Amino acid sequence: MAHCTNCGVKWKAKDIWKLGMAKDGKNCPSCGERQYVSFNNGGFLMGLGYLSGTIGLLLIVLFPYYIRLSNQKDKELYGG
């Protein structure tokens, strides 16, 4: 499960799913530091989701367990 890079608090799956849909990141519920999704190793897994609806659904369910949080916006992911 993902942890805040600033304070180390473990995020709930519900908050991570919300973060995954937010372009501008989300504030940590504990320290308030802005966090963004960082796909250091999960980008490949997300790409597989386009190959099959079943794999895509499975990746959505497992999404909170494969992402990492970052204090900086990922330029590749958000295009800016």
PDB file of N, CA and C in Angstrom:
ATOM      1  N   MET A   1       0.854  -1.180   0.000  1.00  0.00           N
ATOM      2  CA  MET A   1       0.000   0.000   0.000  1.00  0.00           C
ATOM      3  C   MET A   1       0.897   1.239   0.000  1.00  0.00           C
ATOM      4  N   ALA A   2       0.433   2.303  -0.590  1.00  0.00           N
ATOM      5  CA  ALA A   2       1.216   3.533  -0.733  1.00  0.00           C
ATOM      6  C   ALA A   2       1.340   4.295   0.591  1.00  0.00           C
ATOM      7  N   HIS A   3       2.494   4.925   0.763  1.00  0.00           N
ATOM      8  CA  HIS A   3       2.777   5.739   1.952  1.00  0.00           C
ATOM      9  C   HIS A   3       3.107   7.164   1.508  1.00  0.00           C
ATOM     10  N   CYS A   4       2.782   8.131   2.329  1.00  0.00           N
ATOM     11  CA  CYS A   4       3.151   9.529   2.079  1.00  0.00           C
ATOM     12  C   CYS A   4       4.670   9.643   2.110  1.00  0.00           C
ATOM     13  N   THR A   5       5.243  10.321   1.120  1.00  0.00           N
ATOM     14  CA  THR A   5       6.697  10.478   1.086  1.00  0.00           C
ATOM     15  C   THR A   5       7.192  11.493   2.105  1.00  0.00           C
ATOM     16  N   ASN A   6       6.296  12.296   2.653  1.00  0.00           N
ATOM     17  CA  ASN A   6       6.687  13.308   3.626  1.00  0.00           C
ATOM     18  C   ASN A   6       6.627  12.779   5.059  1.00  0.00           C
ATOM     19  N   CYS A   7       5.494  12.202   5.473  1.00  0.00           N
ATOM     20  CA  CYS A   7       5.331  11.770   6.862  1.00  0.00           C
ATOM     21  C   CYS A   7       5.299  10.250   7.034  1.00  0.00           C
ATOM     22  N   GLY A   8       5.162   9.492   5.928  1.00  0.00           N
ATOM     23  CA  GLY A   8       5.206   8.040   5.996  1.00  0.00           C
ATOM     24  C   GLY A   8       3.892   7.361   6.343  1.00  0.00           C
ATOM     25  N   VAL A   9       2.812   8.127   6.462  1.00  0.00           N
ATOM     26  CA  VAL A   9       1.507   7.538   6.802  1.00  0.00           C
ATOM     27  C   VAL A   9       0.994   6.690   5.646  1.00  0.00           C
ATOM     28  N   LYS A  10       0.489   5.497   5.966  1.00  0.00           N
ATOM     29  CA  LYS A  10      -0.063   4.600   4.952  1.00  0.00           C
ATOM     30  C   LYS A  10      -1.448   5.101   4.550  1.00  0.00           C
ATOM     31  N   TRP A  11      -1.682   5.244   3.249  1.00  0.00           N
ATOM     32  CA  TRP A  11      -2.959   5.736   2.741  1.00  0.00           C
ATOM     33  C   TRP A  11      -3.968   4.600   2.628  1.00  0.00           C
ATOM     34  N   LYS A  12      -5.240   4.937   2.762  1.00  0.00           N
ATOM     35  CA  LYS A  12      -6.321   3.970   2.582  1.00  0.00           C
ATOM     36  C   LYS A  12      -6.557   3.766   1.087  1.00  0.00           C
ATOM     37  N   ALA A  13      -7.034   2.577   0.727  1.00  0.00           N
ATOM     38  CA  ALA A  13      -7.290   2.255  -0.681  1.00  0.00           C
ATOM     39  C   ALA A  13      -8.255   3.253  -1.308  1.00  0.00           C
ATOM     40  N   LYS A  14      -9.277   3.667  -0.579  1.00  0.00           N
ATOM     41  CA  LYS A  14     -10.259   4.627  -1.090  1.00  0.00           C
ATOM     42  C   LYS A  14      -9.600   5.947  -1.487  1.00  0.00           C
ATOM     43  N   ASP A  15      -8.678   6.420  -0.658  1.00  0.00           N
ATOM     44  CA  ASP A  15      -7.973   7.675  -0.950  1.00  0.00           C
ATOM     45  C   ASP A  15      -7.046   7.526  -2.158  1.00  0.00           C
ATOM     46  N   ILE A  16      -6.453   6.356  -2.315  1.00  0.00           N
ATOM     47  CA  ILE A  16      -5.564   6.129  -3.447  1.00  0.00           C
ATOM     48  C   ILE A  16      -6.349   6.082  -4.755  1.00  0.00           C
ATOM     49  N   TRP A  17      -7.545   5.468  -4.726  1.00  0.00           N
ATOM     50  CA  TRP A  17      -8.379   5.461  -5.934  1.00  0.00           C
ATOM     51  C   TRP A  17      -8.766   6.882  -6.322  1.00  0.00           C
ATOM     52  N   LYS A  18      -9.096   7.717  -5.344  1.00  0.00           N
ATOM     53  CA  LYS A  18      -9.420   9.118  -5.624  1.00  0.00           C
ATOM     54  C   LYS A  18      -8.203   9.837  -6.202  1.00  0.00           C
ATOM     55  N   LEU A  19      -7.035   9.563  -5.644  1.00  0.00           N
ATOM     56  CA  LEU A  19      -5.802  10.176  -6.131  1.00  0.00           C
ATOM     57  C   LEU A  19      -5.524   9.774  -7.571  1.00  0.00           C
ATOM     58  N   GLY A  20      -5.809   8.523  -7.904  1.00  0.00           N
ATOM     59  CA  GLY A  20      -5.590   8.036  -9.264  1.00  0.00           C
ATOM     60  C   GLY A  20      -6.421   8.766 -10.302  1.00  0.00           C
ATOM     61  N   MET A  21      -7.547   9.319  -9.907  1.00  0.00           N
ATOM     62  CA  MET A  21      -8.424  10.046 -10.820  1.00  0.00           C
ATOM     63  C   MET A  21      -8.169  11.550 -10.808  1.00  0.00           C
ATOM     64  N   ALA A  22      -7.346  12.027  -9.884  1.00  0.00           N
ATOM     65  CA  ALA A  22      -7.094  13.464  -9.732  1.00  0.00           C
ATOM     66  C   ALA A  22      -5.850  13.873 -10.513  1.00  0.00           C
ATOM     67  N   LYS A  23      -5.991  14.837 -11.415  1.00  0.00           N
ATOM     68  CA  LYS A  23      -4.837  15.326 -12.186  1.00  0.00           C
ATOM     69  C   LYS A  23      -3.885  16.152 -11.338  1.00  0.00           C
ATOM     70  N   ASP A  24      -4.408  16.853 -10.351  1.00  0.00           N
ATOM     71  CA  ASP A  24      -3.599  17.773  -9.554  1.00  0.00           C
ATOM     72  C   ASP A  24      -3.139  17.192  -8.232  1.00  0.00           C
ATOM     73  N   GLY A  25      -3.192  15.871  -8.090  1.00  0.00           N
ATOM     74  CA  GLY A  25      -2.750  15.238  -6.861  1.00  0.00           C
ATOM     75  C   GLY A  25      -3.772  15.396  -5.751  1.00  0.00           C
ATOM     76  N   LYS A  26      -3.367  15.027  -4.561  1.00  0.00           N
ATOM     77  CA  LYS A  26      -4.255  15.077  -3.400  1.00  0.00           C
ATOM     78  C   LYS A  26      -3.397  15.305  -2.169  1.00  0.00           C
ATOM     79  N   ASN A  27      -3.914  16.065  -1.214  1.00  0.00           N
ATOM     80  CA  ASN A  27      -3.188  16.327   0.019  1.00  0.00           C
ATOM     81  C   ASN A  27      -3.211  15.111   0.935  1.00  0.00           C
ATOM     82  N   CYS A  28      -2.111  14.869   1.610  1.00  0.00           N
ATOM     83  CA  CYS A  28      -2.014  13.784   2.572  1.00  0.00           C
ATOM     84  C   CYS A  28      -2.989  14.062   3.716  1.00  0.00           C
ATOM     85  N   PRO A  29      -3.780  13.070   4.124  1.00  0.00           N
ATOM     86  CA  PRO A  29      -4.728  13.292   5.217  1.00  0.00           C
ATOM     87  C   PRO A  29      -4.046  13.559   6.558  1.00  0.00           C
ATOM     88  N   SER A  30      -2.776  13.202   6.688  1.00  0.00           N
ATOM     89  CA  SER A  30      -2.077  13.390   7.956  1.00  0.00           C
ATOM     90  C   SER A  30      -1.310  14.709   8.012  1.00  0.00           C
ATOM     91  N   CYS A  31      -0.408  14.944   7.044  1.00  0.00           N
ATOM     92  CA  CYS A  31       0.465  16.122   7.108  1.00  0.00           C
ATOM     93  C   CYS A  31       0.047  17.241   6.159  1.00  0.00           C
ATOM     94  N   GLY A  32      -0.829  16.953   5.194  1.00  0.00           N
ATOM     95  CA  GLY A  32      -1.296  17.978   4.270  1.00  0.00           C
ATOM     96  C   GLY A  32      -0.402  18.205   3.064  1.00  0.00           C
ATOM     97  N   GLU A  33       0.718  17.504   2.967  1.00  0.00           N
ATOM     98  CA  GLU A  33       1.638  17.647   1.825  1.00  0.00           C
ATOM     99  C   GLU A  33       0.980  17.079   0.571  1.00  0.00           C
ATOM    100  N   ARG A  34       1.091  17.795  -0.542  1.00  0.00           N
ATOM    101  CA  ARG A  34       0.497  17.355  -1.812  1.00  0.00           C
ATOM    102  C   ARG A  34       1.226  16.118  -2.313  1.00  0.00           C
ATOM    103  N   GLN A  35       0.487  15.086  -2.704  1.00  0.00           N
ATOM    104  CA  GLN A  35       1.048  13.837  -3.196  1.00  0.00           C
ATOM    105  C   GLN A  35       0.510  13.561  -4.595  1.00  0.00           C
ATOM    106  N   TYR A  36       1.326  12.946  -5.418  1.00  0.00           N
ATOM    107  CA  TYR A  36       0.974  12.606  -6.794  1.00  0.00           C
ATOM    108  C   TYR A  36       1.304  11.139  -7.036  1.00  0.00           C
ATOM    109  N   VAL A  37       0.643  10.535  -7.998  1.00  0.00           N
ATOM    110  CA  VAL A  37       0.927   9.152  -8.353  1.00  0.00           C
ATOM    111  C   VAL A  37       2.258   9.102  -9.100  1.00  0.00           C
ATOM    112  N   SER A  38       3.108   8.166  -8.739  1.00  0.00           N
ATOM    113  CA  SER A  38       4.381   7.958  -9.409  1.00  0.00           C
ATOM    114  C   SER A  38       4.453   6.507  -9.856  1.00  0.00           C
ATOM    115  N   PHE A  39       4.507   6.279 -11.159  1.00  0.00           N
ATOM    116  CA  PHE A  39       4.535   4.926 -11.696  1.00  0.00           C
ATOM    117  C   PHE A  39       5.960   4.482 -11.983  1.00  0.00           C
ATOM    118  N   ASN A  40       6.768   4.329 -10.955  1.00  0.00           N
ATOM    119  CA  ASN A  40       8.137   3.873 -11.158  1.00  0.00           C
ATOM    120  C   ASN A  40       8.179   2.462 -11.716  1.00  0.00           C
ATOM    121  N   ASN A  41       7.323   1.602 -11.227  1.00  0.00           N
ATOM    122  CA  ASN A  41       7.300   0.231 -11.713  1.00  0.00           C
ATOM    123  C   ASN A  41       5.898  -0.203 -12.136  1.00  0.00           C
ATOM    124  N   GLY A  42       4.907   0.614 -11.934  1.00  0.00           N
ATOM    125  CA  GLY A  42       3.537   0.237 -12.245  1.00  0.00           C
ATOM    126  C   GLY A  42       3.080   0.625 -13.636  1.00  0.00           C
ATOM    127  N   GLY A  43       3.876   1.417 -14.373  1.00  0.00           N
ATOM    128  CA  GLY A  43       3.487   1.849 -15.713  1.00  0.00           C
ATOM    129  C   GLY A  43       3.267   0.682 -16.652  1.00  0.00           C
ATOM    130  N   PHE A  44       4.126  -0.310 -16.566  1.00  0.00           N
ATOM    131  CA  PHE A  44       3.991  -1.500 -17.394  1.00  0.00           C
ATOM    132  C   PHE A  44       2.682  -2.228 -17.086  1.00  0.00           C
ATOM    133  N   LEU A  45       2.362  -2.343 -15.803  1.00  0.00           N
ATOM    134  CA  LEU A  45       1.129  -3.026 -15.408  1.00  0.00           C
ATOM    135  C   LEU A  45      -0.106  -2.277 -15.900  1.00  0.00           C
ATOM    136  N   MET A  46      -0.068  -0.959 -15.852  1.00  0.00           N
ATOM    137  CA  MET A  46      -1.212  -0.177 -16.322  1.00  0.00           C
ATOM    138  C   MET A  46      -1.361  -0.301 -17.836  1.00  0.00           C
ATOM    139  N   GLY A  47      -0.268  -0.419 -18.566  1.00  0.00           N
ATOM    140  CA  GLY A  47      -0.326  -0.610 -20.011  1.00  0.00           C
ATOM    141  C   GLY A  47      -0.993  -1.914 -20.390  1.00  0.00           C
ATOM    142  N   LEU A  48      -0.812  -2.932 -19.591  1.00  0.00           N
ATOM    143  CA  LEU A  48      -1.465  -4.216 -19.860  1.00  0.00           C
ATOM    144  C   LEU A  48      -2.984  -4.130 -19.745  1.00  0.00           C
ATOM    145  N   GLY A  49      -3.465  -3.177 -19.009  1.00  0.00           N
ATOM    146  CA  GLY A  49      -4.907  -3.016 -18.824  1.00  0.00           C
ATOM    147  C   GLY A  49      -5.646  -2.769 -20.120  1.00  0.00           C
ATOM    148  N   TYR A  50      -4.984  -2.190 -21.095  1.00  0.00           N
ATOM    149  CA  TYR A  50      -5.616  -1.915 -22.375  1.00  0.00           C
ATOM    150  C   TYR A  50      -5.780  -3.186 -23.213  1.00  0.00           C
ATOM    151  N   LEU A  51      -5.049  -4.226 -22.890  1.00  0.00           N
ATOM    152  CA  LEU A  51      -5.111  -5.456 -23.666  1.00  0.00           C
ATOM    153  C   LEU A  51      -6.361  -6.274 -23.367  1.00  0.00           C
ATOM    154  N   SER A  52      -6.850  -6.202 -22.182  1.00  0.00           N
ATOM    155  CA  SER A  52      -7.977  -7.045 -21.805  1.00  0.00           C
ATOM    156  C   SER A  52      -8.823  -6.353 -20.740  1.00  0.00           C
ATOM    157  N   GLY A  53     -10.136  -6.423 -20.906  1.00  0.00           N
ATOM    158  CA  GLY A  53     -11.041  -5.841 -19.917  1.00  0.00           C
ATOM    159  C   GLY A  53     -10.899  -6.514 -18.563  1.00  0.00           C
ATOM    160  N   THR A  54     -10.662  -7.795 -18.565  1.00  0.00           N
ATOM    161  CA  THR A  54     -10.496  -8.529 -17.312  1.00  0.00           C
ATOM    162  C   THR A  54      -9.235  -8.090 -16.591  1.00  0.00           C
ATOM    163  N   ILE A  55      -8.156  -7.970 -17.341  1.00  0.00           N
ATOM    164  CA  ILE A  55      -6.904  -7.516 -16.734  1.00  0.00           C
ATOM    165  C   ILE A  55      -7.077  -6.081 -16.253  1.00  0.00           C
ATOM    166  N   GLY A  56      -7.773  -5.261 -17.043  1.00  0.00           N
ATOM    167  CA  GLY A  56      -8.006  -3.873 -16.656  1.00  0.00           C
ATOM    168  C   GLY A  56      -8.772  -3.767 -15.344  1.00  0.00           C
ATOM    169  N   LEU A  57      -9.818  -4.575 -15.211  1.00  0.00           N
ATOM    170  CA  LEU A  57     -10.601  -4.569 -13.975  1.00  0.00           C
ATOM    171  C   LEU A  57      -9.742  -5.028 -12.796  1.00  0.00           C
ATOM    172  N   LEU A  58      -8.943  -6.053 -13.011  1.00  0.00           N
ATOM    173  CA  LEU A  58      -8.058  -6.551 -11.968  1.00  0.00           C
ATOM    174  C   LEU A  58      -7.057  -5.470 -11.553  1.00  0.00           C
ATOM    175  N   LEU A  59      -6.526  -4.725 -12.524  1.00  0.00           N
ATOM    176  CA  LEU A  59      -5.560  -3.663 -12.210  1.00  0.00           C
ATOM    177  C   LEU A  59      -6.209  -2.532 -11.427  1.00  0.00           C
ATOM    178  N   ILE A  60      -7.473  -2.237 -11.726  1.00  0.00           N
ATOM    179  CA  ILE A  60      -8.180  -1.194 -10.975  1.00  0.00           C
ATOM    180  C   ILE A  60      -8.314  -1.613  -9.515  1.00  0.00           C
ATOM    181  N   VAL A  61      -8.644  -2.874  -9.301  1.00  0.00           N
ATOM    182  CA  VAL A  61      -8.786  -3.371  -7.932  1.00  0.00           C
ATOM    183  C   VAL A  61      -7.440  -3.369  -7.206  1.00  0.00           C
ATOM    184  N   LEU A  62      -6.377  -3.725  -7.915  1.00  0.00           N
ATOM    185  CA  LEU A  62      -5.051  -3.811  -7.295  1.00  0.00           C
ATOM    186  C   LEU A  62      -4.276  -2.494  -7.321  1.00  0.00           C
ATOM    187  N   PHE A  63      -4.804  -1.458  -7.971  1.00  0.00           N
ATOM    188  CA  PHE A  63      -4.145  -0.165  -8.140  1.00  0.00           C
ATOM    189  C   PHE A  63      -3.525   0.377  -6.845  1.00  0.00           C
ATOM    190  N   PRO A  64      -4.245   0.388  -5.728  1.00  0.00           N
ATOM    191  CA  PRO A  64      -3.666   0.963  -4.505  1.00  0.00           C
ATOM    192  C   PRO A  64      -2.431   0.230  -3.997  1.00  0.00           C
ATOM    193  N   TYR A  65      -2.252  -1.006  -4.385  1.00  0.00           N
ATOM    194  CA  TYR A  65      -1.128  -1.786  -3.886  1.00  0.00           C
ATOM    195  C   TYR A  65       0.126  -1.655  -4.753  1.00  0.00           C
ATOM    196  N   TYR A  66       0.017  -1.057  -5.937  1.00  0.00           N
ATOM    197  CA  TYR A  66       1.146  -0.990  -6.867  1.00  0.00           C
ATOM    198  C   TYR A  66       1.689   0.407  -7.105  1.00  0.00           C
ATOM    199  N   ILE A  67       1.048   1.438  -6.599  1.00  0.00           N
ATOM    200  CA  ILE A  67       1.550   2.785  -6.852  1.00  0.00           C
ATOM    201  C   ILE A  67       2.427   3.270  -5.716  1.00  0.00           C
ATOM    202  N   ARG A  68       3.184   4.293  -6.000  1.00  0.00           N
ATOM    203  CA  ARG A  68       3.967   4.994  -4.995  1.00  0.00           C
ATOM    204  C   ARG A  68       3.561   6.457  -5.063  1.00  0.00           C
ATOM    205  N   LEU A  69       3.701   7.156  -3.960  1.00  0.00           N
ATOM    206  CA  LEU A  69       3.367   8.571  -3.913  1.00  0.00           C
ATOM    207  C   LEU A  69       4.628   9.403  -4.055  1.00  0.00           C
ATOM    208  N   SER A  70       4.440  10.642  -4.511  1.00  0.00           N
ATOM    209  CA  SER A  70       5.556  11.547  -4.736  1.00  0.00           C
ATOM    210  C   SER A  70       5.163  12.953  -4.319  1.00  0.00           C
ATOM    211  N   ASN A  71       6.131  13.760  -3.917  1.00  0.00           N
ATOM    212  CA  ASN A  71       5.886  15.168  -3.595  1.00  0.00           C
ATOM    213  C   ASN A  71       5.838  16.032  -4.850  1.00  0.00           C
ATOM    214  N   GLN A  72       6.249  15.491  -5.988  1.00  0.00           N
ATOM    215  CA  GLN A  72       6.331  16.261  -7.224  1.00  0.00           C
ATOM    216  C   GLN A  72       5.408  15.671  -8.274  1.00  0.00           C
ATOM    217  N   LYS A  73       4.874  16.554  -9.112  1.00  0.00           N
ATOM    218  CA  LYS A  73       4.019  16.137 -10.210  1.00  0.00           C
ATOM    219  C   LYS A  73       4.865  15.461 -11.279  1.00  0.00           C
ATOM    220  N   ASP A  74       4.449  14.292 -11.738  1.00  0.00           N
ATOM    221  CA  ASP A  74       5.165  13.541 -12.769  1.00  0.00           C
ATOM    222  C   ASP A  74       4.839  14.154 -14.124  1.00  0.00           C
ATOM    223  N   LYS A  75       5.823  14.757 -14.770  1.00  0.00           N
ATOM    224  CA  LYS A  75       5.592  15.455 -16.039  1.00  0.00           C
ATOM    225  C   LYS A  75       5.112  14.509 -17.129  1.00  0.00           C
ATOM    226  N   GLU A  76       5.621  13.279 -17.135  1.00  0.00           N
ATOM    227  CA  GLU A  76       5.204  12.311 -18.151  1.00  0.00           C
ATOM    228  C   GLU A  76       3.743  11.918 -17.980  1.00  0.00           C
ATOM    229  N   LEU A  77       3.300  11.756 -16.748  1.00  0.00           N
ATOM    230  CA  LEU A  77       1.947  11.299 -16.468  1.00  0.00           C
ATOM    231  C   LEU A  77       0.918  12.400 -16.695  1.00  0.00           C
ATOM    232  N   TYR A  78       1.258  13.647 -16.302  1.00  0.00           N
ATOM    233  CA  TYR A  78       0.296  14.736 -16.367  1.00  0.00           C
ATOM    234  C   TYR A  78       0.539  15.707 -17.519  1.00  0.00           C
ATOM    235  N   GLY A  79       1.549  15.476 -18.315  1.00  0.00           N
ATOM    236  CA  GLY A  79       1.804  16.293 -19.497  1.00  0.00           C
ATOM    237  C   GLY A  79       2.162  17.730 -19.204  1.00  0.00           C
ATOM    238  N   GLY A  80       2.856  18.027 -18.182  1.00  0.00           N
ATOM    239  CA  GLY A  80       3.233  19.400 -17.938  1.00  0.00           C
ATOM    240  C   GLY A  80       4.152  19.503 -16.855  1.00  0.00           C
TER     241      GLY A  80
END
